[in-house]
């Protein structure tokens, strides 16, 4: 299985990384980037991970997986994991996750 980031998820990552560098420094950026990348690889290896949560209340087929203070919002296709958003835990998921986030380019 493989994965693809939506343009919005890519922008989320850029924002997370920029904030981490400016607030916590380059060393923490590298640590957090590795944690997020490891989480994505874990999702790809087993999209129905026990630590992931089914969130059909947000959008049909959506799952969330927590990485430190962020959640990866994704859905599973036949041979693909679509990552639509990567959201901070303080965000209101109901207003931040939509079908448009999964319109992959």
Protein backbone atom coordinates (compact mmCIF):
# COMPACT_ATOMS: atom_id res chain seq x y z
CA UNK A 1 0.00 0.00 0.00
CA UNK A 2 1.11 3.57 -0.59
CA UNK A 3 -0.04 6.97 0.62
CA UNK A 4 -0.65 10.40 -0.83
CA UNK A 5 -0.94 13.76 0.92
CA UNK A 6 -3.64 16.16 -0.18
CA UNK A 7 -2.52 19.73 -0.92
CA UNK A 8 -4.13 20.76 2.38
CA UNK A 9 -2.25 18.05 4.35
CA UNK A 10 0.97 19.18 2.69
CA UNK A 11 0.20 22.77 3.76
CA UNK A 12 -0.64 21.55 7.28
CA UNK A 13 2.77 19.87 7.51
CA UNK A 14 4.57 22.97 6.29
CA UNK A 15 2.77 25.04 8.92
CA UNK A 16 3.50 22.53 11.68
CA UNK A 17 7.16 22.37 10.76
CA UNK A 18 7.51 26.15 10.49
CA UNK A 19 5.90 26.64 13.89
CA UNK A 20 8.02 23.90 15.47
CA UNK A 21 11.26 25.41 14.18
CA UNK A 22 10.37 28.96 15.24
CA UNK A 23 9.04 27.93 18.66
CA UNK A 24 11.06 24.88 19.69
CA UNK A 25 14.12 24.89 17.41
CA UNK A 26 15.63 22.73 14.69
CA UNK A 27 16.38 19.73 16.91
CA UNK A 28 12.74 19.44 17.99
CA UNK A 29 11.67 19.92 14.35
CA UNK A 30 13.74 16.87 13.36
CA UNK A 31 12.29 14.83 16.23
CA UNK A 32 8.70 15.78 15.45
CA UNK A 33 9.14 15.26 11.71
CA UNK A 34 10.44 11.75 12.40
CA UNK A 35 7.46 11.04 14.66
CA UNK A 36 4.98 12.19 12.02
CA UNK A 37 6.75 10.23 9.27
CA UNK A 38 6.81 7.10 11.47
CA UNK A 39 3.08 7.51 12.15
CA UNK A 40 2.33 7.78 8.43
CA UNK A 41 4.38 4.65 7.74
CA UNK A 42 2.52 2.82 10.55
CA UNK A 43 -0.81 3.86 9.01
CA UNK A 44 0.29 2.65 5.58
CA UNK A 45 1.43 -0.68 7.04
CA UNK A 46 -1.86 -1.15 8.93
CA UNK A 47 -4.54 1.46 8.12
CA UNK A 48 -6.89 0.07 10.78
CA UNK A 49 -4.37 0.43 13.59
CA UNK A 50 -5.90 -0.16 17.01
CA UNK A 51 -4.87 3.38 18.06
CA UNK A 52 -6.71 4.92 15.10
CA UNK A 53 -10.31 6.01 15.46
CA UNK A 54 -13.13 5.67 12.99
CA UNK A 55 -14.72 9.12 12.58
CA UNK A 56 -17.59 8.65 10.18
CA UNK A 57 -19.29 11.51 12.03
CA UNK A 58 -16.81 13.85 10.33
CA UNK A 59 -16.89 12.29 6.87
CA UNK A 60 -17.65 8.79 5.66
CA UNK A 61 -14.62 6.53 5.86
CA UNK A 62 -12.42 8.95 7.82
CA UNK A 63 -10.04 7.74 10.49
CA UNK A 64 -7.88 9.77 12.90
CA UNK A 65 -4.50 8.77 14.24
CA UNK A 66 -2.84 10.75 17.02
CA UNK A 67 0.80 11.86 16.87
CA UNK A 68 1.77 13.85 19.95
CA UNK A 69 -0.45 16.98 19.69
CA UNK A 70 -1.71 16.39 16.13
CA UNK A 71 -4.16 14.08 14.42
CA UNK A 72 -3.70 12.63 10.96
CA UNK A 73 -7.07 12.51 9.17
CA UNK A 74 -7.08 9.83 6.48
CA UNK A 75 -9.20 7.38 4.59
CA UNK A 76 -8.43 4.02 3.08
CA UNK A 77 -8.87 3.19 -0.58
CA UNK A 78 -8.18 -0.20 -2.18
CA UNK A 79 -4.41 0.27 -2.45
CA UNK A 80 -3.99 3.80 -1.15
CA UNK A 81 -4.12 5.79 2.09
CA UNK A 82 -5.37 9.31 1.41
CA UNK A 83 -4.17 11.80 4.01
CA UNK A 84 -6.48 14.80 3.90
CA UNK A 85 -5.45 16.85 6.94
CA UNK A 86 -3.00 16.93 9.83
CA UNK A 87 -4.71 18.88 12.59
CA UNK A 88 -3.68 20.17 16.00
CA UNK A 89 -5.59 18.64 18.89
CA UNK A 90 -7.09 22.03 19.79
CA UNK A 91 -8.80 22.39 16.40
CA UNK A 92 -12.51 21.79 15.98
CA UNK A 93 -12.37 18.78 13.67
CA UNK A 94 -16.00 19.11 12.60
CA UNK A 95 -15.21 22.40 10.85
CA UNK A 96 -11.74 21.44 9.62
CA UNK A 97 -12.35 18.18 7.76
CA UNK A 98 -14.32 18.16 4.51
CA UNK A 99 -14.59 16.29 1.23
CA UNK A 100 -12.54 19.05 -0.40
CA UNK A 101 -9.55 18.01 1.77
CA UNK A 102 -9.53 14.66 -0.01
CA UNK A 103 -9.56 16.02 -3.56
CA UNK A 104 -6.11 14.77 -4.40
CA UNK A 105 -4.16 16.46 -7.16
